[in-house]
Amino acid sequence: MKAIVSEKGQVTIPKKLRDSLGIRPGDVLEFVEEEGKLVGRKILDRDPFEGLRGIISLPASVDEIIEEMRGGPYDL
């Protein structure tokens, strides 16, 4: 795919690439040069694992599950 650089140095990322890479309006991209090539990377505002928090429902608290896995409570 090709794009033309405007007088202001702007380039439009083709829609097919934006869609496949999940680039949305307002996203921040970082550009670096690597071995003579221009490389753009999407900057994530948050931890990618944060979106997974709370999607699994557990039958008990994590502490209770670990205690059961270890064979019960220990007296120290």
Protein backbone atom coordinates (compact mmCIF):
# COMPACT_ATOMS: atom_id res chain seq x y z
CA MET A 1 0.00 0.00 0.00
CA LYS A 2 1.14 3.49 -0.74
CA ALA A 3 0.46 6.88 0.80
CA ILE A 4 1.56 10.37 -0.20
CA VAL A 5 3.26 12.69 2.28
CA SER A 6 1.58 16.10 2.40
CA GLU A 7 3.43 19.43 2.51
CA LYS A 8 2.94 19.38 6.29
CA GLY A 9 4.54 15.92 6.54
CA GLN A 10 1.23 14.18 7.14
CA VAL A 11 0.37 10.73 5.86
CA THR A 12 -3.01 9.02 5.81
CA ILE A 13 -2.83 5.42 6.99
CA PRO A 14 -4.94 3.31 4.62
CA LYS A 15 -8.25 2.15 6.14
CA LYS A 16 -7.45 -1.53 5.61
CA LEU A 17 -4.30 -1.15 7.74
CA ARG A 18 -6.06 0.97 10.40
CA ASP A 19 -8.78 -1.66 10.72
CA SER A 20 -6.41 -4.64 10.84
CA LEU A 21 -4.14 -2.94 13.40
CA GLY A 22 -6.98 -1.54 15.53
CA ILE A 23 -5.89 2.07 15.05
CA ARG A 24 -8.72 4.42 16.01
CA PRO A 25 -9.09 8.22 15.99
CA GLY A 26 -7.24 9.67 18.97
CA ASP A 27 -4.77 6.77 19.26
CA VAL A 28 -1.14 7.76 19.79
CA LEU A 29 1.51 6.37 17.47
CA GLU A 30 5.26 6.42 18.07
CA PHE A 31 7.60 6.58 15.07
CA VAL A 32 11.19 5.36 15.09
CA GLU A 33 13.82 4.63 12.48
CA GLU A 34 15.08 1.05 12.38
CA GLU A 35 17.75 0.15 9.85
CA GLY A 36 16.66 2.88 7.45
CA LYS A 37 12.95 2.04 7.76
CA LEU A 38 10.19 4.11 9.34
CA VAL A 39 8.38 2.03 11.96
CA GLY A 40 5.18 3.19 13.65
CA ARG A 41 3.93 1.63 16.88
CA LYS A 42 0.62 2.14 18.62
CA ILE A 43 1.11 3.40 22.17
CA LEU A 44 -1.22 1.73 24.66
CA ASP A 45 -2.59 4.05 27.34
CA ARG A 46 -3.20 1.22 29.75
CA ASP A 47 -1.92 -2.19 30.67
CA PRO A 48 -3.27 -4.67 28.10
CA PHE A 49 -3.98 -7.16 30.89
CA GLU A 50 -6.15 -4.63 32.73
CA GLY A 51 -8.96 -5.30 30.27
CA LEU A 52 -9.00 -8.93 31.38
CA ARG A 53 -9.59 -8.11 35.04
CA GLY A 54 -12.88 -9.47 36.32
CA ILE A 55 -13.84 -11.59 33.30
CA ILE A 56 -13.52 -14.86 35.22
CA SER A 57 -15.92 -15.56 38.07
CA LEU A 58 -14.47 -17.78 40.77
CA PRO A 59 -16.46 -19.97 43.15
CA ALA A 60 -14.46 -18.61 46.11
CA SER A 61 -11.88 -15.94 46.88
CA VAL A 62 -8.37 -16.39 45.52
CA ASP A 63 -7.06 -16.85 49.07
CA GLU A 64 -9.59 -19.63 49.72
CA ILE A 65 -8.73 -21.40 46.48
CA ILE A 66 -4.99 -21.26 47.19
CA GLU A 67 -5.57 -22.50 50.73
CA GLU A 68 -7.55 -25.45 49.37
CA MET A 69 -4.87 -26.20 46.77
CA ARG A 70 -2.22 -26.27 49.49
CA GLY A 71 -4.23 -28.70 51.59
CA GLY A 72 -5.85 -26.46 54.16
CA PRO A 73 -4.82 -23.79 56.66
CA TYR A 74 -1.48 -23.95 58.38
CA ASP A 75 -0.84 -22.88 61.96
CA LEU A 76 2.44 -21.04 62.25
